[in-house]
């Protein structure tokens, strides 16, 4: 009897072992793609580290592949549209790449960065869901929150990358691209567009009591005419300066006035001083006289902050546009993390439509996000929205959507 029982137990154990090995090998194959004989020797926390690296590497490689692919497509389309302009410029291919595309590519990539992230997350996550890898990971005892950890780490990394780009790299790229466009593309094709470089009837404050007026100013030559300065105290004129011509002295970093006439007034007398050439330092630079709606895109963040302070002291009407640009440089990188979470939650569920349906939903959400952003900017610049609320409203709305989808996701 004892021999028969031992034989039955051995038979049962022999039958149960292949089933356990098959389940383990399936889980480990789907989760970490390493030989099962090696994975069985690893404790759970070490296997999770490998799973994290697996998901994170999928995330980053898919994103950068998507970024390079779409960038190449955009560059090819742009070359086909500007072939004649490049030929008329008589520039070498090297000069065109260094002077134009070095500025054009970061500008386009920063603009489409959140969309690339969202599409990448949905694409590779839906592929994992279609191969039942996510089911295997969650079935092995991993919580859904823990499963999202590598997505959050990758989202933070890409958010930081985009934030650094918006603070320093993208503004310089915008300036390089704009200078090339103005010199070689807009100039020969549409000479009348150069009229926008000549500003007329500028009037602004440089401090609480001093006003500056300019009849005409050329932003390219950095020179103008009809310059005057007026300083008041208690609604009384104390100082008046007028100059026929003026220009920016690059060597000294100051303004040079020609045929300047200064009048200093007090309660009983007036002193007049005439100077053929007067060099003066004022708290504004040539860039501050451009009054260009694209200037804000070409200033690194420290210079933009300085420019905002100057425009606020002047009471400028373009202050809201500057503030929206400043707050967007912090808000848009955060959207990368939010869209990463939304994409991971949506695509982690295995559905009948597969990757195609996931991508369709992702495109719809991306379009809605862009529409919310555009509407917020319009309300901030033309309506009563404050710039800070306008910049962060899309993130708040889609952040709540990400939280809702996370709570409703099957665990």
Protein backbone atom coordinates (compact mmCIF):
# COMPACT_ATOMS: atom_id res chain seq x y z
CA UNK A 1 0.00 0.00 0.00
CA UNK A 2 2.75 2.39 0.94
CA UNK A 3 4.49 1.75 -2.36
CA UNK A 4 1.30 2.45 -4.31
CA UNK A 5 0.72 5.74 -2.43
CA UNK A 6 4.31 6.84 -3.02
CA UNK A 7 3.92 6.03 -6.69
CA UNK A 8 0.69 8.03 -6.94
CA UNK A 9 2.31 11.03 -5.22
CA UNK A 10 5.28 10.90 -7.55
CA UNK A 11 2.95 10.66 -10.52
CA UNK A 12 0.92 13.68 -9.37
CA UNK A 13 4.02 15.75 -8.75
CA UNK A 14 5.38 14.80 -12.14
CA UNK A 15 2.14 15.89 -13.77
CA UNK A 16 1.99 19.16 -11.84
CA UNK A 17 5.53 20.27 -12.60
CA UNK A 18 5.19 20.80 -16.36
CA UNK A 19 2.07 22.97 -15.82
CA UNK A 20 3.88 25.17 -13.28
CA UNK A 21 6.93 25.46 -15.51
CA UNK A 22 4.77 26.43 -18.49
CA UNK A 23 2.99 29.20 -16.54
CA UNK A 24 6.25 30.53 -15.08
CA UNK A 25 8.03 30.49 -18.41
CA UNK A 26 5.11 32.31 -20.07
CA UNK A 27 5.08 35.03 -17.41
CA UNK A 28 8.82 35.48 -17.44
CA UNK A 29 9.00 35.34 -21.23
CA UNK A 30 6.36 38.03 -21.63
CA UNK A 31 7.66 40.21 -18.78
CA UNK A 32 11.39 40.14 -19.07
CA UNK A 33 12.31 38.12 -22.17
CA UNK A 34 15.14 36.21 -20.47
CA UNK A 35 15.69 32.47 -20.13
CA UNK A 36 13.28 31.00 -17.58
CA UNK A 37 15.94 28.81 -15.99
CA UNK A 38 17.86 31.97 -15.00
CA UNK A 39 14.78 33.98 -13.91
CA UNK A 40 13.61 31.32 -11.44
CA UNK A 41 16.78 31.99 -9.42
CA UNK A 42 15.96 35.71 -9.06
CA UNK A 43 13.85 37.13 -6.21
CA UNK A 44 10.79 39.22 -7.04
CA UNK A 45 12.33 42.68 -6.44
CA UNK A 46 15.23 41.93 -8.80
CA UNK A 47 12.83 40.74 -11.50
CA UNK A 48 10.86 43.97 -11.12
CA UNK A 49 13.98 46.00 -11.79
CA UNK A 50 14.43 44.11 -15.03
CA UNK A 51 10.78 44.69 -15.95
CA UNK A 52 11.26 48.41 -15.29
CA UNK A 53 14.25 48.52 -17.61
CA UNK A 54 12.33 46.55 -20.21
CA UNK A 55 9.36 48.96 -20.22
CA UNK A 56 11.53 52.06 -19.97
CA UNK A 57 13.74 50.97 -22.85
CA UNK A 58 10.64 50.25 -24.95
CA UNK A 59 9.30 53.70 -24.08
CA UNK A 60 12.44 55.66 -24.94
CA UNK A 61 13.44 53.71 -28.05
CA UNK A 62 9.92 53.97 -29.49
CA UNK A 63 9.79 57.70 -28.73
CA UNK A 64 13.16 58.54 -30.27
CA UNK A 65 12.44 56.38 -33.30
CA UNK A 66 9.12 58.20 -33.74
CA UNK A 67 10.83 61.57 -33.27
CA UNK A 68 13.55 60.85 -35.84
CA UNK A 69 11.05 59.41 -38.34
CA UNK A 70 8.63 62.35 -38.20
CA UNK A 71 11.49 64.86 -38.20
CA UNK A 72 12.89 63.30 -41.38
CA UNK A 73 9.47 63.50 -43.03
CA UNK A 74 9.00 67.16 -42.05
CA UNK A 75 12.49 68.06 -43.30
CA UNK A 76 11.91 66.36 -46.64
CA UNK A 77 8.60 68.20 -47.11
CA UNK A 78 10.23 71.51 -46.15
CA UNK A 79 13.11 70.96 -48.60
CA UNK A 80 10.66 70.27 -51.41
CA UNK A 81 8.82 73.53 -50.66
CA UNK A 82 11.94 75.71 -50.37
CA UNK A 83 14.16 74.27 -53.10
CA UNK A 84 13.83 77.40 -55.26
CA UNK A 85 14.58 79.70 -52.33
CA UNK A 86 17.68 77.72 -51.42
CA UNK A 87 18.86 77.82 -55.03
CA UNK A 88 18.40 81.62 -55.21
CA UNK A 89 20.35 82.11 -51.98
CA UNK A 90 23.51 80.59 -53.61
CA UNK A 91 24.43 78.98 -50.29
CA UNK A 92 26.19 75.65 -49.95
CA UNK A 93 24.39 72.64 -48.48
CA UNK A 94 26.53 72.94 -45.36
CA UNK A 95 25.51 76.59 -44.83
CA UNK A 96 21.84 75.75 -45.34
CA UNK A 97 22.04 72.95 -42.78
CA UNK A 98 23.95 75.02 -40.20
CA UNK A 99 22.09 78.31 -40.69
CA UNK A 100 18.58 77.02 -41.33
CA UNK A 101 17.91 73.43 -40.31
CA UNK A 102 19.86 73.65 -37.06
CA UNK A 103 17.21 76.19 -36.09
CA UNK A 104 14.26 74.61 -37.89
CA UNK A 105 14.52 71.07 -36.45
CA UNK A 106 14.51 71.95 -32.70
CA UNK A 107 11.63 74.34 -33.32
CA UNK A 108 9.46 71.69 -34.98
CA UNK A 109 10.46 68.93 -32.55
CA UNK A 110 9.58 71.06 -29.52
CA UNK A 111 6.22 71.91 -31.06
CA UNK A 112 5.32 68.24 -31.67
CA UNK A 113 7.15 66.76 -28.67
CA UNK A 114 4.06 65.98 -26.51
CA UNK A 115 2.28 64.44 -29.50
CA UNK A 116 5.29 62.21 -30.24
CA UNK A 117 5.37 61.08 -26.61
CA UNK A 118 1.67 60.28 -26.55
CA UNK A 119 1.72 58.30 -29.80
CA UNK A 120 4.84 56.40 -28.71
CA UNK A 121 3.35 55.38 -25.36
CA UNK A 122 0.10 54.23 -26.93
CA UNK A 123 1.89 52.33 -29.71
CA UNK A 124 4.29 50.22 -27.65
CA UNK A 125 1.87 49.72 -24.72
CA UNK A 126 -0.90 48.46 -27.01
CA UNK A 127 1.61 46.07 -28.56
CA UNK A 128 2.48 44.77 -25.08
CA UNK A 129 -1.23 44.42 -24.28
CA UNK A 130 -1.84 42.57 -27.55
CA UNK A 131 0.87 40.03 -26.66
CA UNK A 132 -0.64 39.60 -23.16
CA UNK A 133 2.56 40.90 -21.55
CA UNK A 134 0.66 43.34 -19.33
CA UNK A 135 -1.73 40.59 -18.21
CA UNK A 136 1.28 38.46 -17.31
CA UNK A 137 2.90 41.30 -15.33
CA UNK A 138 -0.25 42.06 -13.35
CA UNK A 139 -0.96 38.33 -12.80
CA UNK A 140 2.46 37.90 -11.21
CA UNK A 141 1.36 40.09 -8.28
CA UNK A 142 2.48 43.51 -9.54
CA UNK A 143 0.03 46.31 -8.74
CA UNK A 144 -1.16 48.59 -11.53
CA UNK A 145 0.40 51.57 -9.74
CA UNK A 146 3.74 49.76 -9.62
CA UNK A 147 3.36 48.84 -13.29
CA UNK A 148 3.09 52.57 -14.17
CA UNK A 149 6.35 53.44 -12.37
CA UNK A 150 8.67 53.13 -15.43
CA UNK A 151 6.19 55.22 -17.44
CA UNK A 152 6.35 57.95 -14.80
CA UNK A 153 10.16 57.81 -14.70
CA UNK A 154 10.34 58.07 -18.50
CA UNK A 155 7.76 60.86 -18.53
CA UNK A 156 9.70 62.87 -15.96
CA UNK A 157 12.92 62.41 -17.93
CA UNK A 158 11.35 63.57 -21.20
CA UNK A 159 9.57 66.43 -19.40
CA UNK A 160 12.90 67.64 -18.02
CA UNK A 161 14.46 67.31 -21.49
CA UNK A 162 11.70 69.41 -23.06
CA UNK A 163 11.84 71.95 -20.21
CA UNK A 164 15.56 72.51 -20.77
CA UNK A 165 14.92 72.88 -24.47
CA UNK A 166 12.21 75.51 -23.98
CA UNK A 167 14.34 77.51 -21.54
CA UNK A 168 17.51 77.82 -23.63
CA UNK A 169 17.76 75.76 -26.84
CA UNK A 170 14.46 76.41 -28.65
CA UNK A 171 14.63 80.25 -28.35
CA UNK A 172 18.09 80.29 -29.93
CA UNK A 173 16.88 77.92 -32.64
CA UNK A 174 13.89 80.19 -33.31
CA UNK A 175 16.21 83.17 -33.68
CA UNK A 176 18.52 81.34 -36.11
CA UNK A 177 15.55 80.13 -38.18
CA UNK A 178 13.89 83.58 -38.23
CA UNK A 179 17.11 85.35 -39.29
CA UNK A 180 17.57 82.95 -42.20
CA UNK A 181 13.94 83.31 -43.27
CA UNK A 182 14.14 87.11 -43.18
CA UNK A 183 17.44 87.28 -45.06
CA UNK A 184 17.19 84.59 -47.74
CA UNK A 185 13.55 83.58 -48.11
CA UNK A 186 11.21 86.46 -47.27
CA UNK A 187 13.63 89.11 -48.60
CA UNK A 188 14.08 88.03 -52.24
CA UNK A 189 10.53 86.74 -52.64
CA UNK A 190 8.62 89.52 -50.94
CA UNK A 191 10.66 92.71 -50.57
CA UNK A 192 7.59 94.62 -49.40
CA UNK A 193 7.57 92.48 -46.26
CA UNK A 194 10.71 94.34 -45.15
CA UNK A 195 8.46 97.27 -44.33
CA UNK A 196 7.62 95.48 -41.10
CA UNK A 197 11.23 96.11 -40.03
CA UNK A 198 10.51 99.85 -39.88
CA UNK A 199 8.59 100.85 -36.77
CA UNK A 200 6.78 104.16 -36.51
CA UNK A 201 5.39 106.27 -33.66
CA UNK A 202 6.79 104.37 -30.70
CA UNK A 203 5.98 105.78 -27.27
CA UNK A 204 6.69 104.06 -23.93
CA UNK A 205 7.80 104.53 -20.32
CA UNK A 206 11.29 103.70 -19.10
CA UNK A 207 10.52 104.44 -15.44
CA UNK A 208 7.67 105.83 -13.38
CA UNK A 209 8.34 109.45 -14.44
CA UNK A 210 10.18 109.23 -17.80
CA UNK A 211 8.74 108.71 -21.27
CA UNK A 212 10.48 108.02 -24.58
CA UNK A 213 9.11 108.71 -28.06
CA UNK A 214 10.46 107.72 -31.48
CA UNK A 215 9.11 108.85 -34.84
CA UNK A 216 10.69 106.03 -36.87
CA UNK A 217 13.09 103.14 -36.20
CA UNK A 218 14.71 100.52 -38.45
CA UNK A 219 15.09 97.24 -36.54
CA UNK A 220 17.74 95.91 -38.96
CA UNK A 221 19.97 99.00 -39.13
CA UNK A 222 19.27 99.76 -35.45
CA UNK A 223 18.89 103.45 -36.22
CA UNK A 224 16.03 105.92 -36.26
CA UNK A 225 14.91 109.54 -36.22
CA UNK A 226 12.72 111.87 -34.20
CA UNK A 227 13.92 110.72 -30.77
CA UNK A 228 12.77 112.51 -27.60
CA UNK A 229 12.77 111.96 -23.83
CA UNK A 230 10.49 113.68 -21.30
CA UNK A 231 10.75 113.49 -17.52
CA UNK A 232 7.94 114.67 -15.24
CA UNK A 233 7.51 115.25 -11.53
CA UNK A 234 4.17 116.15 -9.96
CA UNK A 235 2.75 116.59 -13.47
CA UNK A 236 5.40 119.18 -14.30
CA UNK A 237 7.98 118.81 -17.09
CA UNK A 238 11.50 118.85 -15.65
CA UNK A 239 13.62 117.53 -18.54
CA UNK A 240 13.23 117.36 -22.30
CA UNK A 241 15.67 115.90 -24.84
CA UNK A 242 15.28 115.83 -28.61
CA UNK A 243 17.52 114.37 -31.29
CA UNK A 244 17.21 114.32 -35.07
CA UNK A 245 18.97 110.96 -35.58
CA UNK A 246 20.08 108.13 -33.29
CA UNK A 247 21.55 104.63 -33.53
CA UNK A 248 22.80 101.78 -31.38
CA UNK A 249 26.55 101.75 -30.68
CA UNK A 250 27.51 98.10 -30.57
CA UNK A 251 31.01 98.80 -29.20
CA UNK A 252 29.80 100.62 -26.08
CA UNK A 253 26.35 99.04 -25.75
CA UNK A 254 24.77 102.51 -25.57
CA UNK A 255 22.65 104.80 -27.72
CA UNK A 256 24.31 107.49 -29.80
CA UNK A 257 22.26 110.67 -30.38
CA UNK A 258 23.05 113.24 -33.07
CA UNK A 259 22.21 116.95 -32.88
CA UNK A 260 20.80 116.49 -29.40
CA UNK A 261 19.11 119.38 -27.59
CA UNK A 262 18.56 119.07 -23.83
CA UNK A 263 16.28 121.36 -21.83
CA UNK A 264 16.27 121.38 -18.04
CA UNK A 265 13.44 123.32 -16.47
CA UNK A 266 12.76 124.52 -12.95
CA UNK A 267 10.25 126.93 -11.52
CA UNK A 268 12.02 130.08 -12.70
CA UNK A 269 14.52 129.21 -15.44
CA UNK A 270 15.39 126.95 -18.35
CA UNK A 271 18.83 125.66 -19.33
CA UNK A 272 19.46 124.53 -22.91
CA UNK A 273 22.40 122.34 -23.94
CA UNK A 274 23.17 121.44 -27.55
CA UNK A 275 25.45 118.50 -28.40
CA UNK A 276 26.49 117.33 -31.85
CA UNK A 277 27.00 113.73 -30.68
CA UNK A 278 25.77 112.41 -27.32
CA UNK A 279 26.27 108.86 -26.03
CA UNK A 280 23.63 107.87 -23.47
CA UNK A 281 22.68 104.68 -21.66
CA UNK A 282 18.94 103.97 -21.48
CA UNK A 283 17.16 100.95 -19.94
CA UNK A 284 16.11 99.58 -23.32
CA UNK A 285 17.96 97.83 -26.12
CA UNK A 286 17.35 97.39 -29.88
CA UNK A 287 15.40 94.18 -29.30
CA UNK A 288 12.97 96.14 -27.06
CA UNK A 289 12.06 98.40 -29.98
CA UNK A 290 11.19 95.62 -32.38
CA UNK A 291 7.59 95.31 -31.14
CA UNK A 292 7.55 91.93 -32.85
CA UNK A 293 5.01 89.32 -31.77
CA UNK A 294 7.64 86.64 -32.47
CA UNK A 295 10.30 88.28 -30.32
CA UNK A 296 9.07 86.41 -27.24
CA UNK A 297 9.83 83.08 -28.96
CA UNK A 298 13.45 84.06 -29.57
CA UNK A 299 14.49 85.10 -26.06
CA UNK A 300 15.99 82.60 -23.61
CA UNK A 301 14.03 82.51 -20.39
CA UNK A 302 16.36 84.77 -18.33
CA UNK A 303 16.18 87.44 -21.06
CA UNK A 304 12.43 86.93 -21.39
CA UNK A 305 11.99 87.51 -17.65
CA UNK A 306 13.99 90.72 -17.93
CA UNK A 307 11.93 91.83 -20.93
CA UNK A 308 8.67 91.10 -19.07
CA UNK A 309 9.78 93.32 -16.18
CA UNK A 310 10.55 96.12 -18.61
CA UNK A 311 7.23 95.80 -20.44
CA UNK A 312 5.33 95.66 -17.14
CA UNK A 313 6.94 98.93 -16.04
CA UNK A 314 5.92 100.46 -19.36
CA UNK A 315 2.35 99.19 -19.12
CA UNK A 316 2.74 97.49 -22.48
CA UNK A 317 -0.31 96.04 -24.21
CA UNK A 318 1.68 92.95 -25.25
CA UNK A 319 2.37 91.99 -21.62
CA UNK A 320 -0.23 89.19 -21.61
CA UNK A 321 1.34 87.58 -24.69
CA UNK A 322 4.73 87.61 -23.00
CA UNK A 323 3.35 86.10 -19.79
CA UNK A 324 1.53 83.34 -21.69
CA UNK A 325 4.80 82.44 -23.43
CA UNK A 326 6.66 82.44 -20.12
CA UNK A 327 4.15 80.21 -18.33
CA UNK A 328 3.84 77.88 -21.34
CA UNK A 329 7.55 77.12 -21.09
CA UNK A 330 6.82 75.46 -17.75
CA UNK A 331 3.34 74.10 -18.49
CA UNK A 332 4.00 72.30 -21.80
CA UNK A 333 6.77 70.03 -20.39
CA UNK A 334 4.38 68.94 -17.60
CA UNK A 335 1.88 67.89 -20.27
CA UNK A 336 4.39 65.24 -21.38
CA UNK A 337 4.03 63.44 -18.04
CA UNK A 338 0.23 63.79 -18.06
CA UNK A 339 -0.11 62.44 -21.60
CA UNK A 340 2.26 59.59 -20.74
CA UNK A 341 -0.02 58.45 -17.93
CA UNK A 342 -3.15 58.81 -20.06
CA UNK A 343 -1.56 56.83 -22.91
CA UNK A 344 -0.34 54.06 -20.60
CA UNK A 345 -3.73 53.66 -18.90
CA UNK A 346 -5.67 53.67 -22.17
CA UNK A 347 -3.42 51.30 -24.09
CA UNK A 348 -2.77 48.82 -21.26
CA UNK A 349 -6.20 47.26 -21.75
CA UNK A 350 -6.42 44.54 -24.39
CA UNK A 351 -9.34 45.31 -26.71
CA UNK A 352 -10.66 43.93 -29.96
CA UNK A 353 -9.55 46.91 -32.07
CA UNK A 354 -5.92 46.54 -30.97
CA UNK A 355 -3.29 49.22 -31.67
CA UNK A 356 -5.37 50.88 -34.38
CA UNK A 357 -8.21 51.78 -32.01
CA UNK A 358 -5.74 52.89 -29.34
CA UNK A 359 -3.97 55.18 -31.80
CA UNK A 360 -7.29 56.62 -33.00
CA UNK A 361 -8.27 57.45 -29.42
CA UNK A 362 -4.82 58.94 -28.84
CA UNK A 363 -5.09 61.22 -31.88
CA UNK A 364 -8.52 62.44 -30.73
CA UNK A 365 -7.21 63.24 -27.24
CA UNK A 366 -4.17 65.02 -28.73
CA UNK A 367 -6.42 67.17 -30.92
CA UNK A 368 -8.59 68.04 -27.92
CA UNK A 369 -5.51 69.00 -25.92
CA UNK A 370 -4.25 71.28 -28.71
CA UNK A 371 -7.70 72.89 -29.04
CA UNK A 372 -7.88 73.56 -25.30
CA UNK A 373 -4.41 75.13 -25.44
CA UNK A 374 -5.30 77.38 -28.40
CA UNK A 375 -8.58 78.53 -26.85
CA UNK A 376 -6.85 79.30 -23.55
CA UNK A 377 -4.18 81.41 -25.26
CA UNK A 378 -6.81 83.34 -27.24
CA UNK A 379 -8.84 84.05 -24.09
CA UNK A 380 -5.69 85.20 -22.28
CA UNK A 381 -4.51 87.57 -25.01
CA UNK A 382 -7.89 88.84 -26.21
CA UNK A 383 -10.21 88.16 -23.28
CA UNK A 384 -10.26 88.20 -19.49
CA UNK A 385 -8.31 85.00 -18.78
CA UNK A 386 -5.19 85.52 -16.69
CA UNK A 387 -2.06 84.21 -18.47
CA UNK A 388 -1.20 81.77 -15.68
CA UNK A 389 -4.65 80.15 -15.72
CA UNK A 390 -4.65 80.09 -19.52
CA UNK A 391 -1.33 78.24 -19.63
CA UNK A 392 -2.18 75.68 -16.96
CA UNK A 393 -5.88 75.04 -17.70
CA UNK A 394 -5.22 72.26 -20.29
CA UNK A 395 -2.88 70.51 -17.84
CA UNK A 396 -5.44 70.74 -15.03
CA UNK A 397 -8.26 69.36 -17.21
CA UNK A 398 -6.21 66.52 -18.67
CA UNK A 399 -4.59 65.83 -15.29
CA UNK A 400 -8.09 65.20 -13.89
CA UNK A 401 -8.80 63.01 -16.93
CA UNK A 402 -5.64 61.00 -16.25
CA UNK A 403 -6.69 60.50 -12.61
CA UNK A 404 -10.19 59.41 -13.66
CA UNK A 405 -8.88 56.93 -16.25
CA UNK A 406 -6.42 55.54 -13.70
CA UNK A 407 -9.20 54.95 -11.18
CA UNK A 408 -11.41 53.28 -13.80
CA UNK A 409 -8.64 51.14 -15.32
CA UNK A 410 -8.99 47.38 -14.72
CA UNK A 411 -6.42 46.38 -12.15
